[in-house]
Amino acid sequence: MLDGECNPDRPPLPRDAGTHRATSVDFPVCVVLPAGGTGERTGLQTPKQFWSFLERPLISYTIDAFERVSWIQDVVVVVAKENLDQMSGIVQRFGHRKVRVVTGGSTRHRSIYNGVQALAEDRPEVVIIHDAVRPFVEEDFLSKITLAAKEHGAAGAIRPLVSTVIATTSEGFLDHSLERAKYRASETPQGFTYEVISQAYQRSSESDLEFGTECLHLALQHCHINAKLIPGPPTLWKVTYRWDLAAAGSIIKGGSRFCTFVQ
């Protein structure tokens, strides 16, 4: 673990981000941040988690959102091998005091599994899994996810679908569509008891680890844990495309409320 004092010169998070008072969490909680993405969908050479605003990378804002929460003990950041030095430099430069950096795998699930394994000695009561490129996460919602995960074994954020989901034929024609009102988008943060997420990954097949993306499904499939689903706020927003970077920069630079940009 890398220790250090919080740098008072780094820019603050936007107003209301990570500052709400929440129901007390009085048990050990750690975080796994998968940050091995290549930035392919943004069309940028630099992975989006390392894209900078105000001379500070996006992932640093996400880490800071968790470090501001007093009841979170450690944040395990999982990065590709070629980005280990860069990530360690970010931790040192911006004074992140709760962070451990570990090497990721070839897929999202393999990377998260590495992060969970890094917590084997700590064995926290709850593990929160969160995308490194969702910097606007608030303490009150983290508390809801954490407490629900302890009670039910697993919990996850959901949001309404904004577009209808369709299936296509191999020739590129419409096959069928889903009734949008019946479905929700799975978001992060997600929370699990350590036993559930650890066992879920231990029991996963090579196919699960290679092609899967949903941790809640692993808990259901391998541990028979039906996750509690909690509607999340609009701030659970993932930087995915090039235009998202501009919006994130505007929020961070202006300290504006997220709802100014999203309807």
Protein backbone atom coordinates (compact mmCIF):
# COMPACT_ATOMS: atom_id res chain seq x y z
CA MET A 1 0.00 0.00 0.00
CA LEU A 2 1.20 3.49 -0.79
CA ASP A 3 0.81 5.96 2.04
CA GLY A 4 0.89 9.73 1.97
CA GLU A 5 -0.91 12.87 2.99
CA CYS A 6 -3.71 14.19 0.83
CA ASN A 7 -2.44 16.96 -1.44
CA PRO A 8 -4.30 20.19 -0.54
CA ASP A 9 -3.47 21.69 -3.94
CA ARG A 10 -5.39 19.21 -6.04
CA PRO A 11 -8.74 20.47 -7.39
CA PRO A 12 -11.84 19.52 -5.40
CA LEU A 13 -14.60 17.29 -6.67
CA PRO A 14 -17.74 19.00 -7.96
CA ARG A 15 -20.20 20.19 -5.36
CA ASP A 16 -22.27 17.36 -3.85
CA ALA A 17 -19.93 14.65 -5.16
CA GLY A 18 -18.99 12.34 -2.30
CA THR A 19 -20.00 14.78 0.43
CA HIS A 20 -23.51 13.67 1.45
CA ARG A 21 -23.99 12.31 4.94
CA ALA A 22 -25.06 8.69 4.83
CA THR A 23 -26.18 5.92 7.14
CA SER A 24 -23.19 4.79 9.17
CA VAL A 25 -21.19 1.83 7.90
CA ASP A 26 -19.32 0.29 10.82
CA PHE A 27 -17.63 -2.70 9.18
CA PRO A 28 -14.60 -3.13 6.88
CA VAL A 29 -15.18 -2.08 3.26
CA CYS A 30 -12.71 -2.07 0.37
CA VAL A 31 -13.01 -1.05 -3.27
CA VAL A 32 -11.83 -2.62 -6.52
CA LEU A 33 -11.47 -0.20 -9.44
CA PRO A 34 -10.90 -2.01 -12.76
CA ALA A 35 -8.90 0.43 -14.88
CA GLY A 36 -7.45 -1.71 -17.64
CA GLY A 37 -9.43 -0.21 -20.51
CA THR A 38 -7.63 0.86 -23.67
CA GLY A 39 -9.88 3.78 -24.58
CA GLU A 40 -10.84 2.14 -27.88
CA ARG A 41 -14.35 3.61 -27.97
CA THR A 42 -13.09 7.15 -27.37
CA GLY A 43 -10.81 6.96 -30.39
CA LEU A 44 -7.92 8.29 -28.30
CA GLN A 45 -4.42 6.89 -27.93
CA THR A 46 -4.45 7.58 -24.19
CA PRO A 47 -6.88 5.34 -22.24
CA LYS A 48 -9.73 7.46 -20.94
CA GLN A 49 -8.98 6.75 -17.28
CA PHE A 50 -5.68 8.64 -17.76
CA TRP A 51 -7.14 11.58 -19.68
CA SER A 52 -6.40 14.77 -17.75
CA PHE A 53 -8.52 17.73 -16.69
CA LEU A 54 -6.90 20.59 -14.79
CA GLU A 55 -3.63 18.63 -15.06
CA ARG A 56 -5.13 15.73 -13.13
CA PRO A 57 -6.18 12.38 -14.66
CA LEU A 58 -9.79 11.23 -14.59
CA ILE A 59 -9.00 8.19 -12.47
CA SER A 60 -7.58 10.41 -9.74
CA TYR A 61 -10.99 12.07 -9.32
CA THR A 62 -12.63 8.65 -9.01
CA ILE A 63 -10.11 7.54 -6.40
CA ASP A 64 -10.61 10.77 -4.50
CA ALA A 65 -14.37 10.18 -4.36
CA PHE A 66 -13.70 6.96 -2.42
CA GLU A 67 -10.87 8.30 -0.28
CA ARG A 68 -13.19 11.01 1.01
CA VAL A 69 -15.44 8.31 2.49
CA SER A 70 -14.11 7.65 5.99
CA TRP A 71 -15.42 4.09 6.27
CA ILE A 72 -13.69 2.86 3.11
CA GLN A 73 -10.36 1.31 4.04
CA ASP A 74 -8.53 0.49 0.81
CA VAL A 75 -8.91 1.11 -2.91
CA VAL A 76 -7.39 -1.54 -5.18
CA VAL A 77 -6.74 -0.11 -8.65
CA VAL A 78 -6.30 -2.76 -11.33
CA VAL A 79 -4.39 -1.67 -14.43
CA ALA A 80 -2.72 -3.25 -17.44
CA LYS A 81 0.89 -4.25 -16.90
CA GLU A 82 2.13 -1.56 -19.26
CA ASN A 83 0.37 1.12 -17.18
CA LEU A 84 1.67 0.10 -13.74
CA ASP A 85 4.36 2.77 -13.60
CA GLN A 86 2.00 5.47 -14.83
CA MET A 87 -0.63 4.56 -12.24
CA SER A 88 1.93 4.39 -9.42
CA GLY A 89 3.13 7.84 -10.45
CA ILE A 90 -0.42 9.19 -10.26
CA VAL A 91 -0.82 7.76 -6.76
CA GLN A 92 2.35 9.45 -5.58
CA ARG A 93 1.83 12.76 -7.37
CA PHE A 94 -1.69 13.32 -6.07
CA GLY A 95 -1.14 11.94 -2.59
CA HIS A 96 -3.62 9.08 -2.74
CA ARG A 97 -3.31 7.45 0.65
CA LYS A 98 -5.58 4.37 0.47
CA VAL A 99 -4.50 2.94 -2.88
CA ARG A 100 -2.92 -0.35 -3.89
CA VAL A 101 -2.05 -0.86 -7.55
CA VAL A 102 -2.20 -4.40 -8.97
CA THR A 103 -1.78 -5.90 -12.42
CA GLY A 104 -4.92 -6.66 -14.40
CA GLY A 105 -5.79 -9.55 -16.65
CA SER A 106 -6.72 -9.88 -20.30
CA THR A 107 -10.45 -9.26 -19.67
CA ARG A 108 -12.63 -7.26 -17.30
CA HIS A 109 -13.52 -10.29 -15.18
CA ARG A 110 -9.91 -11.46 -14.96
CA SER A 111 -8.86 -7.99 -13.83
CA ILE A 112 -11.57 -7.77 -11.18
CA TYR A 113 -10.63 -11.26 -9.98
CA ASN A 114 -7.04 -10.07 -9.54
CA GLY A 115 -8.32 -7.14 -7.50
CA VAL A 116 -10.45 -9.39 -5.30
CA GLN A 117 -7.51 -11.73 -4.74
CA ALA A 118 -5.42 -8.75 -3.61
CA LEU A 119 -7.85 -8.41 -0.68
CA ALA A 120 -7.46 -12.02 0.47
CA GLU A 121 -5.49 -11.10 3.60
CA ASP A 122 -7.77 -8.19 4.51
CA ARG A 123 -11.02 -10.10 3.89
CA PRO A 124 -13.25 -7.01 4.23
CA GLU A 125 -16.91 -7.49 5.04
CA VAL A 126 -17.96 -5.88 1.74
CA VAL A 127 -16.16 -5.29 -1.55
CA ILE A 128 -17.36 -2.46 -3.80
CA ILE A 129 -16.63 -2.81 -7.51
CA HIS A 130 -16.76 0.42 -9.48
CA ASP A 131 -15.69 1.57 -12.93
CA ALA A 132 -12.62 3.78 -12.80
CA VAL A 133 -14.19 6.19 -15.29
CA ARG A 134 -17.27 7.00 -13.18
CA PRO A 135 -15.88 9.84 -11.04
CA PHE A 136 -19.14 11.35 -9.80
CA VAL A 137 -20.13 8.78 -7.19
CA GLU A 138 -21.58 10.00 -3.90
CA GLU A 139 -21.23 8.69 -0.36
CA ASP A 140 -24.93 8.34 0.34
CA PHE A 141 -25.40 5.99 -2.61
CA LEU A 142 -22.25 4.04 -1.73
CA SER A 143 -23.73 3.54 1.71
CA LYS A 144 -26.98 2.19 0.25
CA ILE A 145 -25.10 -0.29 -1.94
CA THR A 146 -22.78 -1.35 0.89
CA LEU A 147 -25.52 -1.94 3.46
CA ALA A 148 -27.66 -3.81 0.93
CA ALA A 149 -24.69 -5.98 -0.07
CA LYS A 150 -24.07 -6.94 3.54
CA GLU A 151 -27.73 -7.81 4.05
CA HIS A 152 -28.37 -9.65 0.78
CA GLY A 153 -24.89 -10.81 -0.29
CA ALA A 154 -24.84 -8.62 -3.41
CA ALA A 155 -26.27 -5.31 -4.56
CA GLY A 156 -25.98 -3.19 -7.67
CA ALA A 157 -26.97 0.12 -9.18
CA ILE A 158 -29.49 0.24 -12.00
CA ARG A 159 -30.75 2.99 -14.29
CA PRO A 160 -33.68 3.13 -16.73
CA LEU A 161 -32.87 2.27 -20.34
CA VAL A 162 -32.92 5.35 -22.56
CA SER A 163 -33.03 3.41 -25.84
CA THR A 164 -34.85 0.30 -27.00
CA VAL A 165 -32.67 -2.82 -27.20
CA ILE A 166 -32.95 -4.83 -30.41
CA ALA A 167 -31.43 -8.04 -31.75
CA THR A 168 -30.25 -8.29 -35.33
CA THR A 169 -29.89 -11.16 -37.75
CA SER A 170 -26.51 -12.18 -39.12
CA GLU A 171 -27.47 -10.36 -42.32
CA GLY A 172 -28.02 -7.09 -40.48
CA PHE A 173 -31.81 -7.06 -40.32
CA LEU A 174 -34.08 -6.68 -37.31
CA ASP A 175 -34.72 -9.95 -35.50
CA HIS A 176 -36.70 -8.75 -32.47
CA SER A 177 -36.85 -5.98 -29.88
CA LEU A 178 -37.20 -6.02 -26.10
CA GLU A 179 -39.91 -4.25 -24.16
CA ARG A 180 -37.90 -1.41 -22.69
CA ALA A 181 -40.08 -0.95 -19.59
CA LYS A 182 -39.19 -4.44 -18.36
CA TYR A 183 -35.43 -3.92 -18.44
CA ARG A 184 -32.84 -1.78 -16.68
CA ALA A 185 -29.24 -0.84 -17.35
CA SER A 186 -26.77 -2.34 -14.90
CA GLU A 187 -24.36 0.28 -13.56
CA THR A 188 -21.68 0.56 -10.91
CA PRO A 189 -21.08 0.73 -8.00
CA GLN A 190 -21.85 -2.87 -7.16
CA GLY A 191 -21.27 -4.39 -3.73
CA PHE A 192 -20.69 -7.94 -2.52
CA THR A 193 -19.74 -9.64 0.68
CA TYR A 194 -16.16 -10.79 0.33
CA GLU A 195 -17.21 -14.43 0.58
CA VAL A 196 -19.73 -14.12 -2.25
CA ILE A 197 -17.51 -12.31 -4.76
CA SER A 198 -14.48 -14.44 -3.93
CA GLN A 199 -16.37 -17.71 -4.33
CA ALA A 200 -18.15 -16.49 -7.45
CA TYR A 201 -14.84 -15.92 -9.19
CA GLN A 202 -13.27 -19.12 -7.89
CA ARG A 203 -16.17 -21.09 -9.36
CA SER A 204 -16.24 -19.23 -12.68
CA SER A 205 -15.43 -21.06 -15.88
CA GLU A 206 -12.86 -19.94 -18.43
CA SER A 207 -15.77 -18.87 -20.61
CA ASP A 208 -17.16 -16.73 -17.78
CA LEU A 209 -13.83 -15.01 -17.27
CA GLU A 210 -13.15 -14.54 -20.96
CA PHE A 211 -16.50 -13.35 -22.27
CA GLY A 212 -18.60 -12.22 -19.30
CA THR A 213 -18.90 -8.65 -18.02
CA GLU A 214 -21.53 -8.76 -15.26
CA CYS A 215 -20.39 -9.46 -11.69
CA LEU A 216 -23.96 -9.69 -10.39
CA HIS A 217 -24.58 -12.55 -12.80
CA LEU A 218 -21.58 -14.47 -11.44
CA ALA A 219 -22.96 -14.13 -7.91
CA LEU A 220 -26.33 -15.47 -9.08
CA GLN A 221 -24.93 -18.25 -11.24
CA HIS A 222 -22.27 -19.59 -8.90
CA CYS A 223 -23.45 -18.57 -5.41
CA HIS A 224 -27.24 -18.44 -5.92
CA ILE A 225 -27.25 -14.87 -4.62
CA ASN A 226 -29.98 -12.73 -6.14
CA ALA A 227 -28.62 -9.19 -5.92
CA LYS A 228 -30.63 -6.33 -4.50
CA LEU A 229 -31.02 -3.75 -7.28
CA ILE A 230 -31.08 -0.09 -6.28
CA PRO A 231 -32.08 2.75 -8.63
CA GLY A 232 -29.13 5.09 -8.92
CA PRO A 233 -28.88 8.84 -9.48
CA PRO A 234 -27.99 10.43 -12.84
CA THR A 235 -24.47 10.98 -11.50
CA LEU A 236 -23.65 7.33 -12.15
CA TRP A 237 -22.24 8.27 -15.50
CA LYS A 238 -19.46 6.47 -17.35
CA VAL A 239 -16.99 8.31 -19.56
CA THR A 240 -17.20 6.21 -22.71
CA TYR A 241 -16.92 8.37 -25.82
CA ARG A 242 -14.89 11.37 -26.90
CA TRP A 243 -17.72 13.83 -26.19
CA ASP A 244 -18.06 12.44 -22.66
CA LEU A 245 -14.56 13.68 -21.92
CA ALA A 246 -15.59 17.25 -22.73
CA ALA A 247 -18.67 16.99 -20.51
CA ALA A 248 -16.64 15.54 -17.63
CA GLY A 249 -14.12 18.33 -18.00
CA SER A 250 -16.86 20.95 -17.86
CA ILE A 251 -18.29 19.43 -14.69
CA ILE A 252 -14.92 19.19 -12.97
CA LYS A 253 -13.71 22.63 -14.03
CA GLY A 254 -16.98 24.33 -13.21
CA GLY A 255 -17.89 22.37 -10.10
CA SER A 256 -21.38 22.18 -11.58
CA ARG A 257 -24.11 19.75 -10.66
CA PHE A 258 -24.30 16.84 -13.07
CA CYS A 259 -27.99 17.39 -13.82
CA THR A 260 -27.01 20.55 -15.70
CA PHE A 261 -25.65 18.31 -18.47
CA VAL A 262 -27.95 15.29 -18.43
CA GLN A 263 -31.72 15.16 -18.85
